[in-house]
């Protein structure tokens, strides 16, 4: 049995996180540390390979110093 496809919206949120990190010239490891996440978990989120819970989204937006709605732009 194959795993279910990750929804396109998850991929878009991951792209948004990656873009914000790039725009702010941040390091992924710094954002992971500030979000209290494993760096590999953050990378999976950024690649749209894993669905994030609301708690993770809040921690990531806080670490990026953006409103959580910024993570949902282009949806």
Protein backbone atom coordinates (compact mmCIF):
# COMPACT_ATOMS: atom_id res chain seq x y z
CA UNK A 1 0.00 0.00 0.00
CA UNK A 2 1.34 3.44 -0.96
CA UNK A 3 1.39 6.41 1.34
CA UNK A 4 -1.15 9.08 0.54
CA UNK A 5 0.03 12.01 -1.51
CA UNK A 6 0.83 15.10 0.51
CA UNK A 7 -1.69 17.85 -0.36
CA UNK A 8 -0.48 20.65 -2.64
CA UNK A 9 -1.24 23.16 0.12
CA UNK A 10 1.45 21.54 2.32
CA UNK A 11 3.98 22.00 -0.49
CA UNK A 12 3.00 25.66 -0.89
CA UNK A 13 3.44 26.33 2.84
CA UNK A 14 6.86 24.64 2.67
CA UNK A 15 7.82 26.83 -0.29
CA UNK A 16 6.68 29.91 1.63
CA UNK A 17 8.83 28.96 4.63
CA UNK A 18 11.83 28.44 2.35
CA UNK A 19 11.23 31.80 0.61
CA UNK A 20 10.92 33.69 3.90
CA UNK A 21 14.14 32.13 5.19
CA UNK A 22 15.88 33.20 1.96
CA UNK A 23 14.35 36.71 2.00
CA UNK A 24 15.48 37.26 5.57
CA UNK A 25 18.91 35.73 4.85
CA UNK A 26 18.52 33.25 7.71
CA UNK A 27 20.12 29.85 8.21
CA UNK A 28 17.83 26.82 8.24
CA UNK A 29 19.59 25.46 11.32
CA UNK A 30 18.95 28.75 13.15
CA UNK A 31 15.24 28.65 12.31
CA UNK A 32 15.07 24.99 13.35
CA UNK A 33 16.75 25.80 16.67
CA UNK A 34 14.49 28.80 17.32
CA UNK A 35 11.44 26.67 16.43
CA UNK A 36 12.60 23.86 18.72
CA UNK A 37 12.57 21.49 15.74
CA UNK A 38 15.01 18.96 14.43
CA UNK A 39 16.71 20.41 11.33
CA UNK A 40 15.69 17.38 9.27
CA UNK A 41 12.06 17.81 10.30
CA UNK A 42 12.15 21.45 9.19
CA UNK A 43 13.70 20.41 5.88
CA UNK A 44 10.91 17.86 5.34
CA UNK A 45 8.34 20.59 6.01
CA UNK A 46 10.10 22.95 3.61
CA UNK A 47 10.13 20.27 0.89
CA UNK A 48 6.43 19.60 1.42
CA UNK A 49 7.10 15.99 2.38
CA UNK A 50 5.49 16.13 5.81
CA UNK A 51 2.32 17.73 7.13
CA UNK A 52 2.82 20.24 9.96
CA UNK A 53 0.62 20.62 12.99
CA UNK A 54 -0.61 24.05 14.03
CA UNK A 55 1.84 24.07 16.94
CA UNK A 56 4.75 23.66 14.52
CA UNK A 57 3.40 26.38 12.23
CA UNK A 58 3.14 28.78 15.16
CA UNK A 59 6.69 28.00 16.32
CA UNK A 60 8.08 28.42 12.79
CA UNK A 61 6.28 31.73 12.22
CA UNK A 62 7.55 32.98 15.59
CA UNK A 63 11.12 31.96 14.72
CA UNK A 64 10.78 33.74 11.37
CA UNK A 65 9.26 36.78 13.06
CA UNK A 66 6.28 36.84 10.68
CA UNK A 67 2.54 36.60 11.09
CA UNK A 68 1.36 33.02 10.66
CA UNK A 69 -0.72 34.15 7.68
CA UNK A 70 2.54 34.77 5.78
CA UNK A 71 3.09 31.01 5.76
CA UNK A 72 -0.20 30.63 3.87
CA UNK A 73 0.37 33.21 1.14
CA UNK A 74 -0.27 31.93 -2.41
CA UNK A 75 -2.91 29.46 -1.17
